[in-house]
Amino acid sequence: MAEERDPVYEPSVARQRHLERQQQRRRQHMVLPPSRQCRELRQQLRDLQEFLTSPLVLHRQGAAVQPATLRSTLLMIRQYLWFCWQKRHMFKPRLEAFEDLERYVAYLRWLLGERQLQPVSVLNHMSAAASVHKFLRRYEAFPNRNYEDVAAICFLRQLRRQIQRMVQRFRP
């Protein structure tokens, strides 16, 4: 007797690996490549990672930062730096690129328009940007004021509230 074949197509293991590699390459395409990361930027990213996992920041947040959250935050930061390098012709991207709020708003528009990201995902990108601003202003800000004295963070919070209202309007 001939075996009956399952009508549902199941790709081979090699095909699945190929598709996974293809998806990974697509994701990496929108990230600043290591060859474009100068020594100072790599050091800044390491310092940022230490800052986000420092006891003081963990105390303020009330919870530990999960490794997956930390990885996605660093990925979103590298995506913005890719945007600065590729679309805005910044030859030496650094974390200080987040201080140019007009460029960052253009990036958010690009995410919503061309990339067609959901507003909820854009909120995650904004949280990553706020983390960078807190890191860059860690010595200047008053620690007990919740960074209210940093104008860029206040601007991002206001923008975040606007996007949250947009998300609530689209929810059924």
Protein backbone atom coordinates (compact mmCIF):
# COMPACT_ATOMS: atom_id res chain seq x y z
CA MET A 1 0.00 0.00 0.00
CA ALA A 2 1.12 3.47 -0.79
CA GLU A 3 1.49 5.87 2.09
CA GLU A 4 -0.81 8.83 2.10
CA ARG A 5 0.97 12.16 2.07
CA ASP A 6 -0.05 14.93 4.37
CA PRO A 7 -1.63 17.70 2.29
CA VAL A 8 0.12 20.35 4.41
CA TYR A 9 3.52 21.27 3.01
CA GLU A 10 6.34 20.90 5.51
CA PRO A 11 9.62 22.43 4.38
CA SER A 12 12.77 20.44 4.88
CA VAL A 13 15.15 21.25 7.71
CA ALA A 14 17.62 22.76 5.25
CA ARG A 15 14.87 24.97 3.81
CA GLN A 16 13.84 26.10 7.30
CA ARG A 17 17.45 27.03 8.13
CA HIS A 18 17.72 28.91 4.84
CA LEU A 19 14.55 30.88 5.63
CA GLU A 20 15.79 31.65 9.17
CA ARG A 21 19.14 32.91 7.81
CA GLN A 22 17.29 35.03 5.26
CA GLN A 23 15.13 36.61 7.97
CA GLN A 24 18.20 37.23 10.12
CA ARG A 25 19.98 38.95 7.22
CA ARG A 26 16.96 41.17 6.65
CA ARG A 27 16.96 42.20 10.32
CA GLN A 28 20.70 42.82 10.27
CA HIS A 29 20.33 44.95 7.16
CA MET A 30 18.63 47.66 9.20
CA VAL A 31 21.27 47.64 11.94
CA LEU A 32 24.51 49.57 11.99
CA PRO A 33 27.13 47.01 10.92
CA PRO A 34 30.10 46.41 13.23
CA SER A 35 32.44 47.74 10.55
CA ARG A 36 30.76 51.16 10.94
CA GLN A 37 30.95 51.15 14.73
CA CYS A 38 33.95 53.10 15.89
CA ARG A 39 35.80 52.18 19.06
CA GLU A 40 34.15 55.04 20.98
CA LEU A 41 30.65 53.86 19.99
CA ARG A 42 31.38 50.29 21.06
CA GLN A 43 32.61 51.60 24.40
CA GLN A 44 29.51 53.79 24.74
CA LEU A 45 27.27 50.79 24.09
CA ARG A 46 29.11 48.76 26.74
CA ASP A 47 28.80 51.64 29.21
CA LEU A 48 25.10 52.00 28.37
CA GLN A 49 24.59 48.31 29.03
CA GLU A 50 26.29 48.67 32.42
CA PHE A 51 24.18 51.75 33.17
CA LEU A 52 20.91 49.96 32.37
CA THR A 53 21.82 47.09 34.69
CA SER A 54 23.27 49.24 37.49
CA PRO A 55 21.73 48.91 40.98
CA LEU A 56 20.53 52.54 41.01
CA VAL A 57 18.61 52.18 37.74
CA LEU A 58 17.21 48.82 38.83
CA HIS A 59 16.08 50.42 42.10
CA ARG A 60 14.30 53.23 40.22
CA GLN A 61 12.56 50.81 37.89
CA GLY A 62 11.58 48.50 40.71
CA ALA A 63 12.54 45.41 38.70
CA ALA A 64 15.50 43.82 37.01
CA VAL A 65 16.03 44.28 33.28
CA GLN A 66 15.52 41.02 31.47
CA PRO A 67 18.33 39.96 29.09
CA ALA A 68 15.92 39.89 26.13
CA THR A 69 14.78 43.45 26.93
CA LEU A 70 18.37 44.62 27.13
CA ARG A 71 19.20 42.99 23.78
CA SER A 72 16.17 44.51 22.08
CA THR A 73 16.98 47.96 23.53
CA LEU A 74 20.53 47.77 22.16
CA LEU A 75 19.16 46.52 18.83
CA MET A 76 16.78 49.50 18.57
CA ILE A 77 19.65 51.86 19.36
CA ARG A 78 21.77 50.30 16.61
CA GLN A 79 18.81 50.57 14.22
CA TYR A 80 18.55 54.31 14.85
CA LEU A 81 22.29 54.68 14.34
CA TRP A 82 21.92 52.77 11.06
CA PHE A 83 19.22 55.26 10.04
CA CYS A 84 21.56 58.16 10.88
CA TRP A 85 24.39 56.56 8.93
CA GLN A 86 22.39 55.37 5.91
CA LYS A 87 19.61 57.93 5.49
CA ARG A 88 21.16 61.04 7.06
CA HIS A 89 24.78 60.46 5.99
CA MET A 90 26.31 60.61 9.44
CA PHE A 91 29.77 59.18 8.91
CA LYS A 92 30.69 58.54 12.53
CA PRO A 93 27.50 57.55 14.39
CA ARG A 94 27.60 57.97 18.16
CA LEU A 95 25.03 57.97 20.92
CA GLU A 96 25.04 61.76 20.84
CA ALA A 97 22.98 61.43 17.63
CA PHE A 98 19.97 60.94 19.92
CA GLU A 99 20.30 64.56 21.04
CA ASP A 100 19.13 65.79 17.63
CA LEU A 101 15.39 65.55 18.28
CA GLU A 102 14.40 66.68 14.78
CA ARG A 103 16.36 63.78 13.30
CA TYR A 104 14.80 61.42 15.83
CA VAL A 105 11.27 62.56 14.96
CA ALA A 106 12.14 62.01 11.27
CA TYR A 107 13.22 58.49 12.26
CA LEU A 108 9.91 57.88 14.03
CA ARG A 109 8.03 59.10 10.94
CA TRP A 110 10.15 56.76 8.81
CA LEU A 111 9.31 53.84 11.13
CA LEU A 112 5.59 54.60 10.94
CA GLY A 113 5.55 55.48 7.24
CA GLU A 114 8.04 53.49 5.20
CA ARG A 115 8.66 50.62 7.61
CA GLN A 116 4.97 50.54 8.63
CA LEU A 117 5.71 49.62 12.21
CA GLN A 118 2.84 49.45 14.63
CA PRO A 119 2.63 52.40 17.04
CA VAL A 120 3.22 50.00 19.93
CA SER A 121 6.61 49.08 18.44
CA VAL A 122 7.41 52.76 18.00
CA LEU A 123 6.77 53.20 21.74
CA ASN A 124 9.48 50.61 22.39
CA HIS A 125 11.89 52.58 20.20
CA MET A 126 11.06 55.71 22.19
CA SER A 127 11.77 53.90 25.46
CA ALA A 128 15.18 52.94 24.10
CA ALA A 129 15.82 56.58 23.15
CA ALA A 130 14.81 57.72 26.64
CA SER A 131 17.30 55.23 28.09
CA VAL A 132 20.05 56.74 25.94
CA HIS A 133 19.13 60.27 27.06
CA LYS A 134 19.19 59.19 30.70
CA PHE A 135 22.58 57.60 30.11
CA LEU A 136 23.98 60.70 28.41
CA ARG A 137 22.66 62.98 31.18
CA ARG A 138 23.38 60.68 34.12
CA TYR A 139 25.79 63.14 35.75
CA GLU A 140 23.76 66.29 35.05
CA ALA A 141 20.24 65.23 36.04
CA PHE A 142 18.94 65.35 39.57
CA PRO A 143 18.38 61.70 40.47
CA ASN A 144 15.29 62.23 42.63
CA ARG A 145 13.38 64.27 40.07
CA ASN A 146 12.77 61.42 37.63
CA TYR A 147 14.77 63.23 34.92
CA GLU A 148 12.16 66.01 34.70
CA ASP A 149 14.98 68.53 34.36
CA VAL A 150 16.13 66.99 31.06
CA ALA A 151 14.21 68.68 28.24
CA ALA A 152 14.71 65.84 25.74
CA ILE A 153 13.18 63.28 28.10
CA CYS A 154 10.19 65.57 28.76
CA PHE A 155 9.76 65.93 24.98
CA LEU A 156 9.92 62.14 24.47
CA ARG A 157 7.37 61.61 27.26
CA GLN A 158 5.01 64.09 25.63
CA LEU A 159 5.47 62.40 22.23
CA ARG A 160 4.95 59.01 23.87
CA ARG A 161 1.62 60.16 25.34
CA GLN A 162 0.49 61.27 21.88
CA ILE A 163 1.37 57.91 20.36
CA GLN A 164 -0.34 56.08 23.25
CA ARG A 165 -3.52 58.03 22.51
CA MET A 166 -3.16 56.99 18.86
CA VAL A 167 -2.83 53.35 19.92
CA GLN A 168 -5.94 53.58 22.11
CA ARG A 169 -7.98 55.01 19.24
CA PHE A 170 -7.06 52.09 16.97
CA ARG A 171 -7.79 49.38 19.53
CA PRO A 172 -11.23 47.76 19.17
